Amino acid sequence: MIDSALAQVKDPKVNVLIDGTELQGWELRAAWDDFKLGLKHNNEFRKIAIYGNKNWQEITAKIGSWFTSGEIKYFDQLDEALHWLNK
């Protein structure tokens, strides 16, 4: 879905909100797929806000920032995540 959406835009620079509040875990295969997606679209993400409620999600945001040119931040409050994305 992300591939087709970004393919429609010339020189995309997008902000992304990931809602991980109902995410129970992360399988290795899914983590690998997400990592490859991030590398493929690395320069197209301006900001990525991860809204969650688990410590490992905050750690994931920190690790993800090593592999993406955009900013990645973790939030435990949705309104703070949205405010940051819209600045």
N, C-alpha and C. Protein backbone atom coordinates (compact mmCIF):
# COMPACT_ATOMS: atom_id res chain seq x y z
N MET A 1 0.82 -1.19 0.00
CA MET A 1 0.00 0.00 0.00
C MET A 1 0.88 1.26 0.00
N ILE A 2 1.91 1.27 0.81
CA ILE A 2 2.80 2.43 0.87
C ILE A 2 3.54 2.59 -0.46
N ASP A 3 4.02 1.47 -1.03
CA ASP A 3 4.72 1.54 -2.31
C ASP A 3 3.86 2.20 -3.38
N SER A 4 2.61 1.77 -3.51
CA SER A 4 1.75 2.32 -4.57
C SER A 4 1.39 3.78 -4.30
N ALA A 5 1.20 4.14 -3.05
CA ALA A 5 0.86 5.54 -2.73
C ALA A 5 2.03 6.46 -3.04
N LEU A 6 3.23 6.06 -2.65
CA LEU A 6 4.40 6.92 -2.89
C LEU A 6 4.78 6.96 -4.36
N ALA A 7 4.46 5.92 -5.11
CA ALA A 7 4.76 5.89 -6.54
C ALA A 7 3.95 6.93 -7.31
N GLN A 8 2.84 7.37 -6.75
CA GLN A 8 1.96 8.34 -7.41
C GLN A 8 2.43 9.78 -7.23
N VAL A 9 3.41 9.99 -6.36
CA VAL A 9 3.84 11.35 -6.02
C VAL A 9 5.27 11.58 -6.47
N LYS A 10 5.50 12.70 -7.15
CA LYS A 10 6.85 13.05 -7.57
C LYS A 10 7.58 13.65 -6.36
N ASP A 11 8.74 13.13 -6.05
CA ASP A 11 9.57 13.58 -4.92
C ASP A 11 8.78 13.68 -3.61
N PRO A 12 8.22 12.57 -3.13
CA PRO A 12 7.41 12.63 -1.91
C PRO A 12 8.26 12.90 -0.67
N LYS A 13 7.68 13.65 0.23
CA LYS A 13 8.21 13.89 1.58
C LYS A 13 7.00 13.79 2.50
N VAL A 14 6.88 12.69 3.19
CA VAL A 14 5.66 12.43 3.95
C VAL A 14 5.93 12.35 5.44
N ASN A 15 4.89 12.66 6.20
CA ASN A 15 4.86 12.45 7.64
C ASN A 15 4.00 11.22 7.89
N VAL A 16 4.41 10.39 8.82
CA VAL A 16 3.73 9.13 9.07
C VAL A 16 3.39 9.02 10.55
N LEU A 17 2.17 8.57 10.84
CA LEU A 17 1.76 8.25 12.20
C LEU A 17 1.54 6.75 12.27
N ILE A 18 2.27 6.09 13.15
CA ILE A 18 2.09 4.66 13.39
C ILE A 18 1.40 4.51 14.73
N ASP A 19 0.20 3.93 14.73
CA ASP A 19 -0.54 3.68 15.96
C ASP A 19 -0.25 2.24 16.39
N GLY A 20 0.57 2.10 17.39
CA GLY A 20 0.96 0.78 17.87
C GLY A 20 0.27 0.40 19.16
N THR A 21 -0.79 1.10 19.53
CA THR A 21 -1.42 0.86 20.82
C THR A 21 -2.10 -0.51 20.92
N GLU A 22 -2.48 -1.09 19.81
CA GLU A 22 -3.10 -2.41 19.87
C GLU A 22 -2.16 -3.52 19.40
N LEU A 23 -0.93 -3.16 19.11
CA LEU A 23 0.07 -4.11 18.65
C LEU A 23 0.55 -4.93 19.85
N GLN A 24 0.44 -6.24 19.74
CA GLN A 24 0.83 -7.12 20.84
C GLN A 24 2.28 -7.57 20.76
N GLY A 25 2.82 -7.63 19.58
CA GLY A 25 4.20 -8.08 19.40
C GLY A 25 4.62 -7.83 17.97
N TRP A 26 5.80 -8.33 17.66
CA TRP A 26 6.36 -8.08 16.34
C TRP A 26 7.14 -9.31 15.95
N GLU A 27 6.67 -10.02 14.95
CA GLU A 27 7.36 -11.22 14.49
C GLU A 27 8.60 -10.82 13.71
N LEU A 28 9.58 -11.69 13.73
CA LEU A 28 10.84 -11.40 13.05
C LEU A 28 10.63 -11.12 11.56
N ARG A 29 9.76 -11.88 10.91
CA ARG A 29 9.49 -11.67 9.48
C ARG A 29 8.89 -10.28 9.24
N ALA A 30 7.96 -9.86 10.08
CA ALA A 30 7.34 -8.54 9.94
C ALA A 30 8.37 -7.44 10.19
N ALA A 31 9.24 -7.64 11.17
CA ALA A 31 10.29 -6.66 11.45
C ALA A 31 11.22 -6.51 10.24
N TRP A 32 11.57 -7.64 9.62
CA TRP A 32 12.44 -7.61 8.45
C TRP A 32 11.76 -6.88 7.29
N ASP A 33 10.48 -7.15 7.06
CA ASP A 33 9.74 -6.48 5.99
C ASP A 33 9.67 -4.98 6.23
N ASP A 34 9.43 -4.58 7.48
CA ASP A 34 9.37 -3.16 7.81
C ASP A 34 10.73 -2.50 7.62
N PHE A 35 11.79 -3.21 7.98
CA PHE A 35 13.15 -2.69 7.80
C PHE A 35 13.45 -2.46 6.32
N LYS A 36 13.09 -3.42 5.48
CA LYS A 36 13.32 -3.28 4.03
C LYS A 36 12.50 -2.12 3.46
N LEU A 37 11.27 -1.97 3.92
CA LEU A 37 10.43 -0.86 3.46
C LEU A 37 11.06 0.48 3.84
N GLY A 38 11.56 0.56 5.06
CA GLY A 38 12.21 1.78 5.51
C GLY A 38 13.44 2.13 4.69
N LEU A 39 14.23 1.13 4.35
CA LEU A 39 15.42 1.38 3.53
C LEU A 39 15.03 1.81 2.12
N LYS A 40 14.01 1.19 1.57
CA LYS A 40 13.58 1.50 0.20
C LYS A 40 13.08 2.94 0.09
N HIS A 41 12.36 3.40 1.09
CA HIS A 41 11.74 4.73 1.05
C HIS A 41 12.43 5.70 2.01
N ASN A 42 13.64 5.41 2.38
CA ASN A 42 14.38 6.16 3.38
C ASN A 42 14.27 7.67 3.23
N ASN A 43 14.52 8.19 2.05
CA ASN A 43 14.55 9.64 1.84
C ASN A 43 13.17 10.26 1.64
N GLU A 44 12.14 9.46 1.65
CA GLU A 44 10.79 9.98 1.40
C GLU A 44 10.03 10.27 2.70
N PHE A 45 10.56 9.82 3.83
CA PHE A 45 9.91 10.08 5.11
C PHE A 45 10.53 11.31 5.75
N ARG A 46 9.70 12.30 6.02
CA ARG A 46 10.17 13.51 6.70
C ARG A 46 10.13 13.31 8.21
N LYS A 47 8.96 12.85 8.71
CA LYS A 47 8.79 12.57 10.14
C LYS A 47 7.97 11.30 10.30
N ILE A 48 8.34 10.49 11.29
CA ILE A 48 7.57 9.31 11.65
C ILE A 48 7.31 9.37 13.14
N ALA A 49 6.04 9.44 13.51
CA ALA A 49 5.64 9.45 14.92
C ALA A 49 5.10 8.06 15.25
N ILE A 50 5.68 7.45 16.26
CA ILE A 50 5.19 6.15 16.73
C ILE A 50 4.43 6.40 18.02
N TYR A 51 3.12 6.20 17.95
CA TYR A 51 2.24 6.35 19.11
C TYR A 51 2.02 4.96 19.68
N GLY A 52 2.43 4.77 20.92
CA GLY A 52 2.33 3.43 21.49
C GLY A 52 2.18 3.45 23.00
N ASN A 53 2.25 2.24 23.54
CA ASN A 53 2.08 2.09 24.98
C ASN A 53 2.97 0.97 25.54
N LYS A 54 4.05 0.68 24.83
CA LYS A 54 4.95 -0.38 25.27
C LYS A 54 6.40 0.11 25.17
N ASN A 55 7.23 -0.29 26.13
CA ASN A 55 8.62 0.14 26.17
C ASN A 55 9.37 -0.27 24.91
N TRP A 56 9.11 -1.46 24.38
CA TRP A 56 9.84 -1.92 23.20
C TRP A 56 9.54 -1.06 21.98
N GLN A 57 8.37 -0.41 21.95
CA GLN A 57 8.05 0.48 20.83
C GLN A 57 8.93 1.73 20.87
N GLU A 58 9.21 2.21 22.06
CA GLU A 58 10.10 3.37 22.20
C GLU A 58 11.52 2.99 21.76
N ILE A 59 11.95 1.80 22.12
CA ILE A 59 13.27 1.32 21.70
C ILE A 59 13.33 1.17 20.19
N THR A 60 12.24 0.64 19.60
CA THR A 60 12.16 0.49 18.15
C THR A 60 12.30 1.83 17.45
N ALA A 61 11.69 2.87 17.99
CA ALA A 61 11.80 4.21 17.40
C ALA A 61 13.24 4.68 17.41
N LYS A 62 13.95 4.44 18.49
CA LYS A 62 15.35 4.87 18.58
C LYS A 62 16.22 4.11 17.57
N ILE A 63 16.01 2.81 17.48
CA ILE A 63 16.78 2.01 16.52
C ILE A 63 16.44 2.40 15.09
N GLY A 64 15.16 2.60 14.81
CA GLY A 64 14.72 2.99 13.47
C GLY A 64 15.34 4.28 13.00
N SER A 65 15.62 5.19 13.93
CA SER A 65 16.20 6.48 13.54
C SER A 65 17.61 6.33 12.98
N TRP A 66 18.26 5.21 13.26
CA TRP A 66 19.60 4.97 12.70
C TRP A 66 19.53 4.68 11.21
N PHE A 67 18.38 4.22 10.73
CA PHE A 67 18.27 3.73 9.36
C PHE A 67 17.42 4.60 8.45
N THR A 68 16.95 5.70 8.95
CA THR A 68 16.07 6.55 8.14
C THR A 68 16.57 7.98 8.19
N SER A 69 16.43 8.69 7.09
CA SER A 69 16.92 10.06 7.05
C SER A 69 15.96 11.03 7.74
N GLY A 70 14.70 10.65 7.86
CA GLY A 70 13.73 11.49 8.54
C GLY A 70 13.82 11.33 10.05
N GLU A 71 13.09 12.18 10.76
CA GLU A 71 13.06 12.10 12.21
C GLU A 71 12.05 11.05 12.65
N ILE A 72 12.39 10.29 13.67
CA ILE A 72 11.47 9.33 14.27
C ILE A 72 11.40 9.62 15.76
N LYS A 73 10.17 9.72 16.27
CA LYS A 73 9.98 9.95 17.70
C LYS A 73 8.85 9.06 18.21
N TYR A 74 8.98 8.65 19.46
CA TYR A 74 7.97 7.85 20.13
C TYR A 74 7.12 8.76 21.02
N PHE A 75 5.82 8.49 21.06
CA PHE A 75 4.89 9.25 21.89
C PHE A 75 3.93 8.30 22.59
N ASP A 76 3.60 8.61 23.83
CA ASP A 76 2.57 7.83 24.51
C ASP A 76 1.26 8.61 24.59
N GLN A 77 1.23 9.77 23.97
CA GLN A 77 0.02 10.59 23.87
C GLN A 77 -0.24 10.93 22.40
N LEU A 78 -1.42 10.58 21.90
CA LEU A 78 -1.74 10.80 20.49
C LEU A 78 -1.70 12.27 20.12
N ASP A 79 -2.25 13.14 20.96
CA ASP A 79 -2.27 14.57 20.62
C ASP A 79 -0.86 15.15 20.49
N GLU A 80 0.08 14.66 21.30
CA GLU A 80 1.46 15.13 21.19
C GLU A 80 2.10 14.66 19.87
N ALA A 81 1.80 13.43 19.48
CA ALA A 81 2.33 12.89 18.22
C ALA A 81 1.81 13.70 17.04
N LEU A 82 0.50 13.97 17.03
CA LEU A 82 -0.09 14.74 15.94
C LEU A 82 0.45 16.17 15.90
N HIS A 83 0.61 16.78 17.06
CA HIS A 83 1.14 18.14 17.12
C HIS A 83 2.57 18.18 16.54
N TRP A 84 3.40 17.22 16.91
CA TRP A 84 4.77 17.16 16.40
C TRP A 84 4.80 16.96 14.88
N LEU A 85 3.93 16.09 14.38
CA LEU A 85 3.89 15.85 12.94
C LEU A 85 3.48 17.10 12.16
N ASN A 86 2.64 17.91 12.74
CA ASN A 86 2.10 19.09 12.03
C ASN A 86 2.93 20.35 12.22
N LYS A 87 4.04 20.27 12.96
CA LYS A 87 4.92 21.45 13.13
C LYS A 87 5.73 21.67 11.89
